[in-house]
Amino acid sequence: MIPTHELLSRIRWDAAFATSRFVIGYWDRVASRVRHADLREISRDADNPTLFDLLDEEGVAHSIPFHRVREVWRDGKLIRQRHPPGDIPA
């Protein structure tokens, strides 16, 4: 499976691949669930390449580590899913 950072780099640099609509699902530790965000709404953290920045529904900025990305959707189709350690699907 391609690592998250490599997939996101491909989306960023491969113009043909990037014409699709991408949504990421990241683990929200406070809500204990996966939240989804359009990739166009996130930005990379210039000071720390292991993080991305996102504004929540109330306009509060959050820095989220890439290791919390659990899903990547392309045009409504799930193309990558990562399960948290210890949570192996049956």
Protein backbone atom coordinates (compact mmCIF):
# COMPACT_ATOMS: atom_id res chain seq x y z
CA MET A 1 0.00 0.00 0.00
CA ILE A 2 1.32 3.45 -0.90
CA PRO A 3 2.13 5.60 2.16
CA THR A 4 -0.16 8.57 2.77
CA HIS A 5 2.51 11.19 2.16
CA GLU A 6 3.38 9.60 -1.22
CA LEU A 7 -0.27 9.50 -2.28
CA LEU A 8 -0.76 13.14 -1.30
CA SER A 9 2.41 14.09 -3.17
CA ARG A 10 1.08 12.34 -6.28
CA ILE A 11 -2.18 14.27 -5.98
CA ARG A 12 -0.20 17.48 -5.59
CA TRP A 13 2.22 16.94 -8.50
CA ASP A 14 0.44 14.66 -11.00
CA ALA A 15 -1.87 17.04 -12.89
CA ALA A 16 -3.84 14.25 -14.60
CA PHE A 17 -4.46 12.38 -11.33
CA ALA A 18 -5.27 15.59 -9.44
CA THR A 19 -8.23 16.53 -11.65
CA SER A 20 -10.41 14.38 -9.38
CA ARG A 21 -12.08 15.47 -6.15
CA PHE A 22 -10.26 14.08 -3.12
CA VAL A 23 -11.51 13.79 0.45
CA ILE A 24 -9.42 12.61 3.37
CA GLY A 25 -10.72 10.95 6.50
CA TYR A 26 -8.61 11.60 9.58
CA TRP A 27 -8.93 10.29 13.12
CA ASP A 28 -10.28 12.93 15.51
CA ARG A 29 -8.97 11.96 18.94
CA VAL A 30 -11.44 14.19 20.81
CA ALA A 31 -14.53 12.90 18.99
CA SER A 32 -13.11 9.34 18.72
CA ARG A 33 -14.19 9.04 15.11
CA VAL A 34 -13.06 9.64 11.55
CA ARG A 35 -13.82 13.12 10.22
CA HIS A 36 -13.73 13.99 6.54
CA ALA A 37 -12.32 17.06 4.82
CA ASP A 38 -12.01 18.05 1.18
CA LEU A 39 -8.34 18.01 0.26
CA ARG A 40 -8.71 21.51 -1.19
CA GLU A 41 -9.51 22.77 2.33
CA ILE A 42 -6.29 21.59 3.95
CA SER A 43 -2.86 23.13 3.72
CA ARG A 44 0.55 21.76 4.49
CA ASP A 45 2.27 23.04 7.60
CA ALA A 46 5.30 25.00 6.33
CA ASP A 47 7.14 24.52 9.64
CA ASN A 48 6.50 20.79 10.02
CA PRO A 49 6.09 18.50 6.97
CA THR A 50 4.49 15.77 9.13
CA LEU A 51 1.41 17.96 9.74
CA PHE A 52 -1.40 19.50 7.74
CA ASP A 53 -3.57 22.41 8.80
CA LEU A 54 -7.35 22.48 8.70
CA LEU A 55 -10.08 24.87 9.82
CA ASP A 56 -12.99 23.19 11.59
CA GLU A 57 -16.67 24.11 11.26
CA GLU A 58 -16.26 26.94 13.79
CA GLY A 59 -13.21 28.41 12.04
CA VAL A 60 -10.70 27.10 14.59
CA ALA A 61 -7.36 26.03 13.07
CA HIS A 62 -5.98 22.58 13.85
CA SER A 63 -2.65 21.00 12.98
CA ILE A 64 -3.16 17.30 12.32
CA PRO A 65 -0.37 14.74 11.86
CA PHE A 66 -0.46 12.79 8.60
CA HIS A 67 -0.29 9.51 10.53
CA ARG A 68 -3.90 10.15 11.64
CA VAL A 69 -5.16 10.02 8.03
CA ARG A 70 -7.26 6.84 7.85
CA GLU A 71 -9.00 7.18 4.47
CA VAL A 72 -8.54 8.79 1.07
CA TRP A 73 -11.51 9.09 -1.28
CA ARG A 74 -11.30 9.93 -5.00
CA ASP A 75 -14.52 11.07 -6.68
CA GLY A 76 -16.55 9.34 -3.98
CA LYS A 77 -14.67 6.04 -4.19
CA LEU A 78 -12.50 4.83 -1.31
CA ILE A 79 -8.98 4.36 -2.72
CA ARG A 80 -7.01 3.97 0.51
CA GLN A 81 -7.93 2.87 4.00
CA ARG A 82 -5.55 2.52 6.89
CA HIS A 83 -6.61 0.88 10.11
CA PRO A 84 -5.16 2.09 13.41
CA PRO A 85 -2.59 -0.15 15.11
CA GLY A 86 -4.26 -3.04 16.89
CA ASP A 87 -7.48 -2.67 14.88
CA ILE A 88 -7.12 -5.37 12.25
CA PRO A 89 -10.25 -5.98 10.19
CA ALA A 90 -11.72 -9.49 10.18
